[in-house]
Every structure is written in structure tokens, then in C-alpha cells.
Amino acid sequence: MIVVNGKHRIESEGDRLKIYTSAPRENNKANYDIMKQLATYYNVEFYKIKLISGQKSRKKIFSIDI
């Protein structure tokens, strides 16, 4: 998954997702926003999404319990 600044949207690029967020990086707000977008995209509860790696990177790996 790659994170890009911009309006909220998710694009599929092969086996990766490109997620756009306008939330600031401070205080994990961008990561929180990405998790909310993923919850909506996969139609799961927010608490089922966990950030595995990339907390301060544009490239992130999430775990989603379905």
C-alpha cells in the first residue's frame, strides 16, 4: 500500500492499493484516516484493521480480520 496526499480515494494497482488522504501526519491522524477508509472499502469494523509496518512511511502494511 502506498499513501499519497490528496482527496480521499483508494486506487487498486495490481496487488497493492494506493490510498489518498488529506489528513495531517501529526499524531497519527493520517494513519487513522487510512484505517477508516480501509474499513469502508472492505466493509469491516474499524477495530479489525491493524497497522503492521510503516507507521512513519508512505509504504504501509495492514492486517485486516475478516
PDB file of N, CA and C in Angstrom:
ATOM      1  N   MET A   1       0.846  -1.162   0.000  1.00  0.00           N
ATOM      2  CA  MET A   1       0.000   0.000   0.000  1.00  0.00           C
ATOM      3  C   MET A   1       0.892   1.226   0.000  1.00  0.00           C
ATOM      4  N   ILE A   2       0.510   2.196  -0.788  1.00  0.00           N
ATOM      5  CA  ILE A   2       1.236   3.460  -0.857  1.00  0.00           C
ATOM      6  C   ILE A   2       0.272   4.577  -0.483  1.00  0.00           C
ATOM      7  N   VAL A   3       0.739   5.494   0.349  1.00  0.00           N
ATOM      8  CA  VAL A   3      -0.085   6.611   0.806  1.00  0.00           C
ATOM      9  C   VAL A   3       0.348   7.881   0.078  1.00  0.00           C
ATOM     10  N   VAL A   4      -0.646   8.632  -0.418  1.00  0.00           N
ATOM     11  CA  VAL A   4      -0.384   9.851  -1.176  1.00  0.00           C
ATOM     12  C   VAL A   4      -1.271  10.965  -0.627  1.00  0.00           C
ATOM     13  N   ASN A   5      -0.726  12.193  -0.577  1.00  0.00           N
ATOM     14  CA  ASN A   5      -1.544  13.329  -0.164  1.00  0.00           C
ATOM     15  C   ASN A   5      -2.560  13.650  -1.246  1.00  0.00           C
ATOM     16  N   GLY A   6      -3.766  13.974  -0.832  1.00  0.00           N
ATOM     17  CA  GLY A   6      -4.805  14.333  -1.787  1.00  0.00           C
ATOM     18  C   GLY A   6      -6.176  14.005  -1.236  1.00  0.00           C
ATOM     19  N   LYS A   7      -7.197  14.191  -2.075  1.00  0.00           N
ATOM     20  CA  LYS A   7      -8.560  13.894  -1.645  1.00  0.00           C
ATOM     21  C   LYS A   7      -8.708  12.409  -1.366  1.00  0.00           C
ATOM     22  N   HIS A   8      -9.628  12.094  -0.460  1.00  0.00           N
ATOM     23  CA  HIS A   8      -9.853  10.706  -0.055  1.00  0.00           C
ATOM     24  C   HIS A   8     -10.283   9.844  -1.230  1.00  0.00           C
ATOM     25  N   ARG A   9      -9.476   8.840  -1.525  1.00  0.00           N
ATOM     26  CA  ARG A   9      -9.864   7.825  -2.504  1.00  0.00           C
ATOM     27  C   ARG A   9      -8.880   6.667  -2.427  1.00  0.00           C
ATOM     28  N   ILE A  10      -9.301   5.525  -2.943  1.00  0.00           N
ATOM     29  CA  ILE A  10      -8.466   4.329  -2.972  1.00  0.00           C
ATOM     30  C   ILE A  10      -8.410   3.831  -4.408  1.00  0.00           C
ATOM     31  N   GLU A  11      -7.194   3.569  -4.885  1.00  0.00           N
ATOM     32  CA  GLU A  11      -6.995   3.024  -6.226  1.00  0.00           C
ATOM     33  C   GLU A  11      -6.273   1.692  -6.109  1.00  0.00           C
ATOM     34  N   SER A  12      -6.685   0.734  -6.903  1.00  0.00           N
ATOM     35  CA  SER A  12      -6.047  -0.573  -6.935  1.00  0.00           C
ATOM     36  C   SER A  12      -4.981  -0.574  -8.021  1.00  0.00           C
ATOM     37  N   GLU A  13      -3.766  -1.007  -7.648  1.00  0.00           N
ATOM     38  CA  GLU A  13      -2.655  -1.110  -8.599  1.00  0.00           C
ATOM     39  C   GLU A  13      -2.071  -2.513  -8.491  1.00  0.00           C
ATOM     40  N   GLY A  14      -2.655  -3.455  -9.215  1.00  0.00           N
ATOM     41  CA  GLY A  14      -2.205  -4.846  -9.130  1.00  0.00           C
ATOM     42  C   GLY A  14      -2.540  -5.424  -7.770  1.00  0.00           C
ATOM     43  N   ASP A  15      -1.515  -5.852  -7.035  1.00  0.00           N
ATOM     44  CA  ASP A  15      -1.741  -6.417  -5.704  1.00  0.00           C
ATOM     45  C   ASP A  15      -1.567  -5.381  -4.598  1.00  0.00           C
ATOM     46  N   ARG A  16      -1.489  -4.107  -4.954  1.00  0.00           N
ATOM     47  CA  ARG A  16      -1.329  -3.028  -3.976  1.00  0.00           C
ATOM     48  C   ARG A  16      -2.462  -2.030  -4.101  1.00  0.00           C
ATOM     49  N   LEU A  17      -2.640  -1.285  -3.026  1.00  0.00           N
ATOM     50  CA  LEU A  17      -3.604  -0.191  -3.037  1.00  0.00           C
ATOM     51  C   LEU A  17      -2.853   1.123  -2.906  1.00  0.00           C
ATOM     52  N   LYS A  18      -3.353   2.141  -3.567  1.00  0.00           N
ATOM     53  CA  LYS A  18      -2.837   3.495  -3.391  1.00  0.00           C
ATOM     54  C   LYS A  18      -3.957   4.269  -2.717  1.00  0.00           C
ATOM     55  N   ILE A  19      -3.673   4.758  -1.513  1.00  0.00           N
ATOM     56  CA  ILE A  19      -4.689   5.446  -0.721  1.00  0.00           C
ATOM     57  C   ILE A  19      -4.318   6.915  -0.600  1.00  0.00           C
ATOM     58  N   TYR A  20      -5.273   7.768  -0.913  1.00  0.00           N
ATOM     59  CA  TYR A  20      -5.080   9.214  -0.827  1.00  0.00           C
ATOM     60  C   TYR A  20      -5.746   9.725   0.443  1.00  0.00           C
ATOM     61  N   THR A  21      -5.035  10.584   1.166  1.00  0.00           N
ATOM     62  CA  THR A  21      -5.595  11.190   2.367  1.00  0.00           C
ATOM     63  C   THR A  21      -5.128  12.634   2.474  1.00  0.00           C
ATOM     64  N   SER A  22      -5.993  13.476   2.985  1.00  0.00           N
ATOM     65  CA  SER A  22      -5.622  14.873   3.210  1.00  0.00           C
ATOM     66  C   SER A  22      -5.369  15.131   4.691  1.00  0.00           C
ATOM     67  N   ALA A  23      -5.448  14.081   5.504  1.00  0.00           N
ATOM     68  CA  ALA A  23      -5.226  14.222   6.947  1.00  0.00           C
ATOM     69  C   ALA A  23      -3.742  14.490   7.215  1.00  0.00           C
ATOM     70  N   PRO A  24      -3.442  15.313   8.214  1.00  0.00           N
ATOM     71  CA  PRO A  24      -2.041  15.600   8.545  1.00  0.00           C
ATOM     72  C   PRO A  24      -1.356  14.385   9.166  1.00  0.00           C
ATOM     73  N   ARG A  25      -0.039  14.311   9.007  1.00  0.00           N
ATOM     74  CA  ARG A  25       0.719  13.187   9.563  1.00  0.00           C
ATOM     75  C   ARG A  25       0.885  13.278  11.077  1.00  0.00           C
ATOM     76  N   GLU A  26       0.695  14.432  11.647  1.00  0.00           N
ATOM     77  CA  GLU A  26       0.900  14.615  13.075  1.00  0.00           C
ATOM     78  C   GLU A  26      -0.086  13.778  13.886  1.00  0.00           C
ATOM     79  N   ASN A  27       0.397  13.248  15.000  1.00  0.00           N
ATOM     80  CA  ASN A  27      -0.418  12.496  15.963  1.00  0.00           C
ATOM     81  C   ASN A  27      -1.181  11.337  15.326  1.00  0.00           C
ATOM     82  N   ASN A  28      -0.590  10.705  14.320  1.00  0.00           N
ATOM     83  CA  ASN A  28      -1.182   9.526  13.671  1.00  0.00           C
ATOM     84  C   ASN A  28      -2.511   9.797  12.981  1.00  0.00           C
ATOM     85  N   LYS A  29      -2.842  11.041  12.718  1.00  0.00           N
ATOM     86  CA  LYS A  29      -4.133  11.357  12.097  1.00  0.00           C
ATOM     87  C   LYS A  29      -4.246  10.756  10.701  1.00  0.00           C
ATOM     88  N   ALA A  30      -3.165  10.762   9.931  1.00  0.00           N
ATOM     89  CA  ALA A  30      -3.206  10.189   8.581  1.00  0.00           C
ATOM     90  C   ALA A  30      -3.418   8.679   8.645  1.00  0.00           C
ATOM     91  N   ASN A  31      -2.707   7.998   9.548  1.00  0.00           N
ATOM     92  CA  ASN A  31      -2.889   6.546   9.684  1.00  0.00           C
ATOM     93  C   ASN A  31      -4.317   6.218  10.113  1.00  0.00           C
ATOM     94  N   TYR A  32      -4.854   6.985  11.023  1.00  0.00           N
ATOM     95  CA  TYR A  32      -6.228   6.783  11.484  1.00  0.00           C
ATOM     96  C   TYR A  32      -7.207   6.960  10.320  1.00  0.00           C
ATOM     97  N   ASP A  33      -6.982   7.981   9.503  1.00  0.00           N
ATOM     98  CA  ASP A  33      -7.848   8.222   8.354  1.00  0.00           C
ATOM     99  C   ASP A  33      -7.752   7.075   7.344  1.00  0.00           C
ATOM    100  N   ILE A  34      -6.550   6.582   7.109  1.00  0.00           N
ATOM    101  CA  ILE A  34      -6.362   5.456   6.190  1.00  0.00           C
ATOM    102  C   ILE A  34      -7.107   4.228   6.701  1.00  0.00           C
ATOM    103  N   MET A  35      -7.034   3.977   7.993  1.00  0.00           N
ATOM    104  CA  MET A  35      -7.737   2.830   8.575  1.00  0.00           C
ATOM    105  C   MET A  35      -9.249   2.973   8.406  1.00  0.00           C
ATOM    106  N   LYS A  36      -9.768   4.185   8.559  1.00  0.00           N
ATOM    107  CA  LYS A  36     -11.208   4.407   8.347  1.00  0.00           C
ATOM    108  C   LYS A  36     -11.581   4.151   6.892  1.00  0.00           C
ATOM    109  N   GLN A  37     -10.741   4.612   5.964  1.00  0.00           N
ATOM    110  CA  GLN A  37     -11.013   4.378   4.547  1.00  0.00           C
ATOM    111  C   GLN A  37     -10.989   2.887   4.215  1.00  0.00           C
ATOM    112  N   LEU A  38     -10.014   2.159   4.783  1.00  0.00           N
ATOM    113  CA  LEU A  38      -9.937   0.718   4.541  1.00  0.00           C
ATOM    114  C   LEU A  38     -11.155  -0.006   5.106  1.00  0.00           C
ATOM    115  N   ALA A  39     -11.616   0.419   6.274  1.00  0.00           N
ATOM    116  CA  ALA A  39     -12.802  -0.199   6.878  1.00  0.00           C
ATOM    117  C   ALA A  39     -14.013  -0.026   5.970  1.00  0.00           C
ATOM    118  N   THR A  40     -14.156   1.136   5.382  1.00  0.00           N
ATOM    119  CA  THR A  40     -15.262   1.381   4.456  1.00  0.00           C
ATOM    120  C   THR A  40     -15.073   0.582   3.169  1.00  0.00           C
ATOM    121  N   TYR A  41     -13.867   0.578   2.640  1.00  0.00           N
ATOM    122  CA  TYR A  41     -13.556  -0.109   1.380  1.00  0.00           C
ATOM    123  C   TYR A  41     -13.839  -1.609   1.473  1.00  0.00           C
ATOM    124  N   TYR A  42     -13.424  -2.228   2.602  1.00  0.00           N
ATOM    125  CA  TYR A  42     -13.606  -3.667   2.784  1.00  0.00           C
ATOM    126  C   TYR A  42     -14.874  -4.017   3.555  1.00  0.00           C
ATOM    127  N   ASN A  43     -15.638  -3.008   3.948  1.00  0.00           N
ATOM    128  CA  ASN A  43     -16.894  -3.204   4.671  1.00  0.00           C
ATOM    129  C   ASN A  43     -16.697  -4.036   5.944  1.00  0.00           C
ATOM    130  N   VAL A  44     -15.725  -3.617   6.763  1.00  0.00           N
ATOM    131  CA  VAL A  44     -15.446  -4.268   8.041  1.00  0.00           C
ATOM    132  C   VAL A  44     -15.446  -3.207   9.138  1.00  0.00           C
ATOM    133  N   GLU A  45     -15.497  -3.660  10.362  1.00  0.00           N
ATOM    134  CA  GLU A  45     -15.415  -2.751  11.503  1.00  0.00           C
ATOM    135  C   GLU A  45     -13.999  -2.174  11.600  1.00  0.00           C
ATOM    136  N   PHE A  46     -13.909  -0.936  12.036  1.00  0.00           N
ATOM    137  CA  PHE A  46     -12.631  -0.227  12.145  1.00  0.00           C
ATOM    138  C   PHE A  46     -11.622  -0.987  13.006  1.00  0.00           C
ATOM    139  N   TYR A  47     -12.072  -1.573  14.107  1.00  0.00           N
ATOM    140  CA  TYR A  47     -11.168  -2.234  15.044  1.00  0.00           C
ATOM    141  C   TYR A  47     -10.542  -3.513  14.464  1.00  0.00           C
ATOM    142  N   LYS A  48     -11.007  -3.990  13.319  1.00  0.00           N
ATOM    143  CA  LYS A  48     -10.449  -5.192  12.703  1.00  0.00           C
ATOM    144  C   LYS A  48      -9.233  -4.893  11.826  1.00  0.00           C
ATOM    145  N   ILE A  49      -8.848  -3.636  11.741  1.00  0.00           N
ATOM    146  CA  ILE A  49      -7.708  -3.229  10.916  1.00  0.00           C
ATOM    147  C   ILE A  49      -6.551  -2.836  11.824  1.00  0.00           C
ATOM    148  N   LYS A  50      -5.376  -3.426  11.548  1.00  0.00           N
ATOM    149  CA  LYS A  50      -4.191  -3.147  12.359  1.00  0.00           C
ATOM    150  C   LYS A  50      -3.029  -2.775  11.442  1.00  0.00           C
ATOM    151  N   LEU A  51      -2.290  -1.754  11.846  1.00  0.00           N
ATOM    152  CA  LEU A  51      -1.100  -1.338  11.108  1.00  0.00           C
ATOM    153  C   LEU A  51       0.053  -2.244  11.528  1.00  0.00           C
ATOM    154  N   ILE A  52       0.603  -2.995  10.580  1.00  0.00           N
ATOM    155  CA  ILE A  52       1.684  -3.939  10.866  1.00  0.00           C
ATOM    156  C   ILE A  52       3.047  -3.264  10.745  1.00  0.00           C
ATOM    157  N   SER A  53       3.257  -2.520   9.663  1.00  0.00           N
ATOM    158  CA  SER A  53       4.533  -1.818   9.491  1.00  0.00           C
ATOM    159  C   SER A  53       4.328  -0.558   8.661  1.00  0.00           C
ATOM    160  N   GLY A  54       5.258   0.380   8.822  1.00  0.00           N
ATOM    161  CA  GLY A  54       5.222   1.613   8.045  1.00  0.00           C
ATOM    162  C   GLY A  54       4.522   2.763   8.730  1.00  0.00           C
ATOM    163  N   GLN A  55       4.570   2.804  10.058  1.00  0.00           N
ATOM    164  CA  GLN A  55       3.856   3.854  10.784  1.00  0.00           C
ATOM    165  C   GLN A  55       4.263   5.249  10.328  1.00  0.00           C
ATOM    166  N   LYS A  56       5.540   5.442  10.011  1.00  0.00           N
ATOM    167  CA  LYS A  56       6.005   6.769   9.601  1.00  0.00           C
ATOM    168  C   LYS A  56       6.492   6.776   8.154  1.00  0.00           C
ATOM    169  N   SER A  57       6.036   5.810   7.373  1.00  0.00           N
ATOM    170  CA  SER A  57       6.451   5.684   5.982  1.00  0.00           C
ATOM    171  C   SER A  57       5.247   5.799   5.055  1.00  0.00           C
ATOM    172  N   ARG A  58       5.491   6.124   3.790  1.00  0.00           N
ATOM    173  CA  ARG A  58       4.401   6.149   2.807  1.00  0.00           C
ATOM    174  C   ARG A  58       3.986   4.739   2.428  1.00  0.00           C
ATOM    175  N   LYS A  59       4.892   3.777   2.570  1.00  0.00           N
ATOM    176  CA  LYS A  59       4.579   2.378   2.272  1.00  0.00           C
ATOM    177  C   LYS A  59       4.193   1.690   3.573  1.00  0.00           C
ATOM    178  N   LYS A  60       2.995   1.136   3.612  1.00  0.00           N
ATOM    179  CA  LYS A  60       2.458   0.554   4.839  1.00  0.00           C
ATOM    180  C   LYS A  60       1.922  -0.842   4.583  1.00  0.00           C
ATOM    181  N   ILE A  61       1.900  -1.639   5.633  1.00  0.00           N
ATOM    182  CA  ILE A  61       1.277  -2.961   5.583  1.00  0.00           C
ATOM    183  C   ILE A  61       0.250  -3.021   6.701  1.00  0.00           C
ATOM    184  N   PHE A  62      -0.981  -3.372   6.328  1.00  0.00           N
ATOM    185  CA  PHE A  62      -2.071  -3.508   7.285  1.00  0.00           C
ATOM    186  C   PHE A  62      -2.537  -4.950   7.326  1.00  0.00           C
ATOM    187  N   SER A  63      -3.065  -5.340   8.466  1.00  0.00           N
ATOM    188  CA  SER A  63      -3.725  -6.632   8.629  1.00  0.00           C
ATOM    189  C   SER A  63      -5.210  -6.350   8.810  1.00  0.00           C
ATOM    190  N   ILE A  64      -6.050  -7.104   8.088  1.00  0.00           N
ATOM    191  CA  ILE A  64      -7.496  -6.915   8.187  1.00  0.00           C
ATOM    192  C   ILE A  64      -8.140  -8.244   8.544  1.00  0.00           C
ATOM    193  N   ASP A  65      -8.783  -8.315   9.705  1.00  0.00           N
ATOM    194  CA  ASP A  65      -9.510  -9.512  10.126  1.00  0.00           C
ATOM    195  C   ASP A  65     -10.889  -9.486   9.495  1.00  0.00           C
ATOM    196  N   ILE A  66     -11.164 -10.487   8.686  1.00  0.00           N
ATOM    197  CA  ILE A  66     -12.463 -10.533   8.009  1.00  0.00           C
ATOM    198  C   ILE A  66     -13.303 -11.647   8.595  1.00  0.00           C
TER     199      ILE A  66
END
